[in-house]
């Protein structure tokens, strides 16, 4: 990873690519120095294509596109040019996609909830430990402008 972190985004719907111009992992990651999105994937290939086109227009680099089936994420997870898989899929796909990514040797970031049941949580923990990779649950709503405004107003004693 000496040339930066190469990210593959699985799930290019609302959390993955966006509901507005600032929302979505793909859009947010373009602002992080040292991060390159090298691959995007969605069960609906046209969503992945839209994210890839946005990245080309924004960064000048077009990531590889995977998609069109419920199993398309596997090829992204196995790609040599992906260091981290950012899992923005639907809730029912969080565990299978994250577990597969870790088994493929990729660090994994997963949107909330990372799992729906306790046994699925243990599956993620045990898979991460066995593969010796990280798995992190993400929650971006804690750090939005309105949330940080409320936090700072509380710290100032105004709320």
C-alpha atoms as a PDB file:
ATOM      1  CA  UNK A   1       0.000   0.000   0.000  1.00  0.00           C
ATOM      2  CA  UNK A   2       2.987   2.333  -0.361  1.00  0.00           C
ATOM      3  CA  UNK A   3       1.242   4.138  -3.235  1.00  0.00           C
ATOM      4  CA  UNK A   4      -1.902   4.703  -1.205  1.00  0.00           C
ATOM      5  CA  UNK A   5      -4.955   2.699  -0.298  1.00  0.00           C
ATOM      6  CA  UNK A   6      -6.899   1.020  -3.082  1.00  0.00           C
ATOM      7  CA  UNK A   7     -10.582   0.674  -2.282  1.00  0.00           C
ATOM      8  CA  UNK A   8     -13.274  -1.425  -3.892  1.00  0.00           C
ATOM      9  CA  UNK A   9     -16.843  -0.272  -3.197  1.00  0.00           C
ATOM     10  CA  UNK A  10     -19.569  -2.908  -3.227  1.00  0.00           C
ATOM     11  CA  UNK A  11     -23.049  -1.435  -3.382  1.00  0.00           C
ATOM     12  CA  UNK A  12     -23.492   1.744  -5.431  1.00  0.00           C
ATOM     13  CA  UNK A  13     -27.000   2.628  -4.278  1.00  0.00           C
ATOM     14  CA  UNK A  14     -27.913   5.215  -1.636  1.00  0.00           C
ATOM     15  CA  UNK A  15     -25.033   4.753   0.827  1.00  0.00           C
ATOM     16  CA  UNK A  16     -22.565   3.654  -1.809  1.00  0.00           C
ATOM     17  CA  UNK A  17     -22.985   6.326  -4.441  1.00  0.00           C
ATOM     18  CA  UNK A  18     -25.569   8.674  -3.245  1.00  0.00           C
ATOM     19  CA  UNK A  19     -28.810  10.399  -2.772  1.00  0.00           C
ATOM     20  CA  UNK A  20     -27.359  13.898  -3.298  1.00  0.00           C
ATOM     21  CA  UNK A  21     -24.089  15.487  -4.347  1.00  0.00           C
ATOM     22  CA  UNK A  22     -22.348  14.935  -0.969  1.00  0.00           C
ATOM     23  CA  UNK A  23     -23.754  11.620   0.190  1.00  0.00           C
ATOM     24  CA  UNK A  24     -22.329   8.234  -0.583  1.00  0.00           C
ATOM     25  CA  UNK A  25     -19.055   6.462   0.056  1.00  0.00           C
ATOM     26  CA  UNK A  26     -17.814   6.888  -3.497  1.00  0.00           C
ATOM     27  CA  UNK A  27     -18.210  10.659  -3.346  1.00  0.00           C
ATOM     28  CA  UNK A  28     -16.763  11.027   0.169  1.00  0.00           C
ATOM     29  CA  UNK A  29     -13.720   8.898  -0.630  1.00  0.00           C
ATOM     30  CA  UNK A  30     -12.687  11.239  -3.447  1.00  0.00           C
ATOM     31  CA  UNK A  31     -11.790  13.801  -0.762  1.00  0.00           C
ATOM     32  CA  UNK A  32      -9.450  11.493   1.191  1.00  0.00           C
ATOM     33  CA  UNK A  33      -5.777  11.945   0.263  1.00  0.00           C
ATOM     34  CA  UNK A  34      -4.025   8.713  -0.648  1.00  0.00           C
ATOM     35  CA  UNK A  35      -7.225   6.816  -1.445  1.00  0.00           C
ATOM     36  CA  UNK A  36      -7.991   5.526  -4.917  1.00  0.00           C
ATOM     37  CA  UNK A  37     -11.200   3.711  -5.757  1.00  0.00           C
ATOM     38  CA  UNK A  38      -9.993   0.999  -8.094  1.00  0.00           C
ATOM     39  CA  UNK A  39     -13.244  -0.975  -8.402  1.00  0.00           C
ATOM     40  CA  UNK A  40     -16.984  -0.516  -7.984  1.00  0.00           C
ATOM     41  CA  UNK A  41     -19.713  -3.138  -7.923  1.00  0.00           C
ATOM     42  CA  UNK A  42     -23.460  -3.335  -7.735  1.00  0.00           C
ATOM     43  CA  UNK A  43     -26.017  -6.035  -8.400  1.00  0.00           C
ATOM     44  CA  UNK A  44     -27.513  -3.442 -10.765  1.00  0.00           C
ATOM     45  CA  UNK A  45     -24.602  -2.913 -13.126  1.00  0.00           C
ATOM     46  CA  UNK A  46     -25.954   0.469 -14.252  1.00  0.00           C
ATOM     47  CA  UNK A  47     -25.473   1.781 -10.689  1.00  0.00           C
ATOM     48  CA  UNK A  48     -21.820   0.685 -10.725  1.00  0.00           C
ATOM     49  CA  UNK A  49     -21.378   2.234 -14.182  1.00  0.00           C
ATOM     50  CA  UNK A  50     -22.792   5.551 -12.905  1.00  0.00           C
ATOM     51  CA  UNK A  51     -20.340   5.535  -9.985  1.00  0.00           C
ATOM     52  CA  UNK A  52     -17.443   4.716 -12.324  1.00  0.00           C
ATOM     53  CA  UNK A  53     -18.425   7.549 -14.656  1.00  0.00           C
ATOM     54  CA  UNK A  54     -18.601   9.970 -11.706  1.00  0.00           C
ATOM     55  CA  UNK A  55     -15.106   8.888 -10.631  1.00  0.00           C
ATOM     56  CA  UNK A  56     -13.752   9.325 -14.140  1.00  0.00           C
ATOM     57  CA  UNK A  57     -15.234  12.823 -14.369  1.00  0.00           C
ATOM     58  CA  UNK A  58     -14.046  13.757 -10.865  1.00  0.00           C
ATOM     59  CA  UNK A  59     -10.618  12.133 -10.646  1.00  0.00           C
ATOM     60  CA  UNK A  60      -9.666  11.294 -14.221  1.00  0.00           C
ATOM     61  CA  UNK A  61      -9.401   7.601 -13.296  1.00  0.00           C
ATOM     62  CA  UNK A  62     -12.027   5.033 -14.187  1.00  0.00           C
ATOM     63  CA  UNK A  63     -12.310   2.094 -11.784  1.00  0.00           C
ATOM     64  CA  UNK A  64     -13.055  -1.428 -12.926  1.00  0.00           C
ATOM     65  CA  UNK A  65     -16.757  -2.169 -12.914  1.00  0.00           C
ATOM     66  CA  UNK A  66     -18.315  -5.360 -11.583  1.00  0.00           C
ATOM     67  CA  UNK A  67     -22.006  -6.076 -11.487  1.00  0.00           C
ATOM     68  CA  UNK A  68     -25.089  -7.640 -12.901  1.00  0.00           C
ATOM     69  CA  UNK A  69     -25.546 -10.522 -10.483  1.00  0.00           C
ATOM     70  CA  UNK A  70     -25.829 -11.219  -6.780  1.00  0.00           C
ATOM     71  CA  UNK A  71     -22.369 -12.827  -6.885  1.00  0.00           C
ATOM     72  CA  UNK A  72     -20.524 -10.053  -8.744  1.00  0.00           C
ATOM     73  CA  UNK A  73     -18.894  -8.829  -5.533  1.00  0.00           C
ATOM     74  CA  UNK A  74     -16.748 -11.964  -5.401  1.00  0.00           C
ATOM     75  CA  UNK A  75     -14.608 -10.894  -8.350  1.00  0.00           C
ATOM     76  CA  UNK A  76     -14.083  -7.454  -6.794  1.00  0.00           C
ATOM     77  CA  UNK A  77     -13.061  -9.058  -3.483  1.00  0.00           C
ATOM     78  CA  UNK A  78     -10.552 -11.261  -5.294  1.00  0.00           C
ATOM     79  CA  UNK A  79      -9.046  -8.391  -7.324  1.00  0.00           C
ATOM     80  CA  UNK A  80      -5.336  -7.806  -6.772  1.00  0.00           C
ATOM     81  CA  UNK A  81      -5.765  -4.034  -7.074  1.00  0.00           C
ATOM     82  CA  UNK A  82      -8.131  -3.806  -4.074  1.00  0.00           C
ATOM     83  CA  UNK A  83      -6.732  -3.479  -0.531  1.00  0.00           C
ATOM     84  CA  UNK A  84      -9.984  -2.646   1.268  1.00  0.00           C
ATOM     85  CA  UNK A  85     -13.576  -3.557   0.492  1.00  0.00           C
ATOM     86  CA  UNK A  86     -16.121  -0.901   1.473  1.00  0.00           C
ATOM     87  CA  UNK A  87     -19.436  -2.751   1.848  1.00  0.00           C
ATOM     88  CA  UNK A  88     -22.448  -0.512   1.176  1.00  0.00           C
ATOM     89  CA  UNK A  89     -24.855  -3.263   0.209  1.00  0.00           C
ATOM     90  CA  UNK A  90     -28.306  -3.976   1.611  1.00  0.00           C
ATOM     91  CA  UNK A  91     -28.463  -5.179   5.200  1.00  0.00           C
ATOM     92  CA  UNK A  92     -29.032  -8.813   4.270  1.00  0.00           C
ATOM     93  CA  UNK A  93     -25.832  -8.818   2.209  1.00  0.00           C
ATOM     94  CA  UNK A  94     -23.562  -7.190   4.817  1.00  0.00           C
ATOM     95  CA  UNK A  95     -22.377 -10.436   6.409  1.00  0.00           C
ATOM     96  CA  UNK A  96     -21.883 -12.543   3.260  1.00  0.00           C
ATOM     97  CA  UNK A  97     -20.039  -9.785   1.386  1.00  0.00           C
ATOM     98  CA  UNK A  98     -17.883  -8.814   4.383  1.00  0.00           C
ATOM     99  CA  UNK A  99     -17.021 -12.419   5.243  1.00  0.00           C
ATOM    100  CA  UNK A 100     -16.098 -13.189   1.638  1.00  0.00           C
ATOM    101  CA  UNK A 101     -13.933 -10.074   1.414  1.00  0.00           C
ATOM    102  CA  UNK A 102     -12.062 -11.000   4.589  1.00  0.00           C
ATOM    103  CA  UNK A 103     -11.578 -14.584   3.420  1.00  0.00           C
ATOM    104  CA  UNK A 104     -10.058 -13.077   0.266  1.00  0.00           C
ATOM    105  CA  UNK A 105      -7.574 -11.238   2.504  1.00  0.00           C
ATOM    106  CA  UNK A 106      -9.146  -7.797   2.301  1.00  0.00           C
ATOM    107  CA  UNK A 107      -9.688  -5.389   5.149  1.00  0.00           C
ATOM    108  CA  UNK A 108     -13.390  -4.610   5.262  1.00  0.00           C
ATOM    109  CA  UNK A 109     -15.470  -1.550   6.069  1.00  0.00           C
ATOM    110  CA  UNK A 110     -19.184  -2.213   6.426  1.00  0.00           C
ATOM    111  CA  UNK A 111     -22.071   0.199   6.803  1.00  0.00           C
ATOM    112  CA  UNK A 112     -24.494  -0.197   9.699  1.00  0.00           C
ATOM    113  CA  UNK A 113     -25.729  -2.609  10.774  1.00  0.00           C
ATOM    114  CA  UNK A 114     -22.806  -4.895  10.129  1.00  0.00           C
ATOM    115  CA  UNK A 115     -24.985  -7.845  11.144  1.00  0.00           C
ATOM    116  CA  UNK A 116     -28.560  -8.499  12.210  1.00  0.00           C
ATOM    117  CA  UNK A 117     -28.037 -11.372  14.646  1.00  0.00           C
ATOM    118  CA  UNK A 118     -25.486 -12.234  17.315  1.00  0.00           C
ATOM    119  CA  UNK A 119     -24.292 -15.347  15.478  1.00  0.00           C
ATOM    120  CA  UNK A 120     -23.578 -13.174  12.413  1.00  0.00           C
ATOM    121  CA  UNK A 121     -21.542 -10.804  14.594  1.00  0.00           C
ATOM    122  CA  UNK A 122     -19.482 -13.751  15.775  1.00  0.00           C
ATOM    123  CA  UNK A 123     -19.049 -14.884  12.167  1.00  0.00           C
ATOM    124  CA  UNK A 124     -17.517 -11.512  11.310  1.00  0.00           C
ATOM    125  CA  UNK A 125     -15.267 -11.509  14.393  1.00  0.00           C
ATOM    126  CA  UNK A 126     -14.063 -15.062  13.826  1.00  0.00           C
ATOM    127  CA  UNK A 127     -13.508 -14.520  10.113  1.00  0.00           C
ATOM    128  CA  UNK A 128     -11.472 -11.361  10.765  1.00  0.00           C
ATOM    129  CA  UNK A 129      -9.356 -13.132  13.368  1.00  0.00           C
ATOM    130  CA  UNK A 130      -8.745 -16.173  11.167  1.00  0.00           C
ATOM    131  CA  UNK A 131      -7.915 -14.060   8.092  1.00  0.00           C
ATOM    132  CA  UNK A 132      -5.893 -11.595  10.215  1.00  0.00           C
ATOM    133  CA  UNK A 133      -7.601  -8.577   8.662  1.00  0.00           C
ATOM    134  CA  UNK A 134      -9.658  -5.734  10.050  1.00  0.00           C
ATOM    135  CA  UNK A 135     -13.433  -5.441   9.857  1.00  0.00           C
ATOM    136  CA  UNK A 136     -14.901  -2.106  10.899  1.00  0.00           C
ATOM    137  CA  UNK A 137     -18.532  -1.083  11.169  1.00  0.00           C
ATOM    138  CA  UNK A 138     -19.091   2.442   9.911  1.00  0.00           C
ATOM    139  CA  UNK A 139     -21.617   5.076  10.861  1.00  0.00           C
ATOM    140  CA  UNK A 140     -21.244   8.342   9.051  1.00  0.00           C
ATOM    141  CA  UNK A 141     -24.347  10.044  10.471  1.00  0.00           C
ATOM    142  CA  UNK A 142     -22.446  10.895  13.663  1.00  0.00           C
ATOM    143  CA  UNK A 143     -20.170  13.347  11.875  1.00  0.00           C
ATOM    144  CA  UNK A 144     -22.472  15.393   9.656  1.00  0.00           C
ATOM    145  CA  UNK A 145     -22.635  19.182   9.897  1.00  0.00           C
ATOM    146  CA  UNK A 146     -25.842  19.186  11.953  1.00  0.00           C
ATOM    147  CA  UNK A 147     -24.589  16.528  14.364  1.00  0.00           C
ATOM    148  CA  UNK A 148     -21.285  18.328  14.948  1.00  0.00           C
ATOM    149  CA  UNK A 149     -23.118  21.636  15.383  1.00  0.00           C
ATOM    150  CA  UNK A 150     -25.282  20.074  18.111  1.00  0.00           C
ATOM    151  CA  UNK A 151     -22.205  18.539  19.770  1.00  0.00           C
ATOM    152  CA  UNK A 152     -20.374  21.873  19.801  1.00  0.00           C
ATOM    153  CA  UNK A 153     -23.419  23.722  21.131  1.00  0.00           C
ATOM    154  CA  UNK A 154     -23.586  21.190  23.966  1.00  0.00           C
ATOM    155  CA  UNK A 155     -19.886  21.618  24.698  1.00  0.00           C
ATOM    156  CA  UNK A 156     -20.402  25.380  24.863  1.00  0.00           C
ATOM    157  CA  UNK A 157     -23.283  24.910  27.314  1.00  0.00           C
ATOM    158  CA  UNK A 158     -25.813  26.360  24.903  1.00  0.00           C
ATOM    159  CA  UNK A 159     -27.911  23.201  24.766  1.00  0.00           C
END
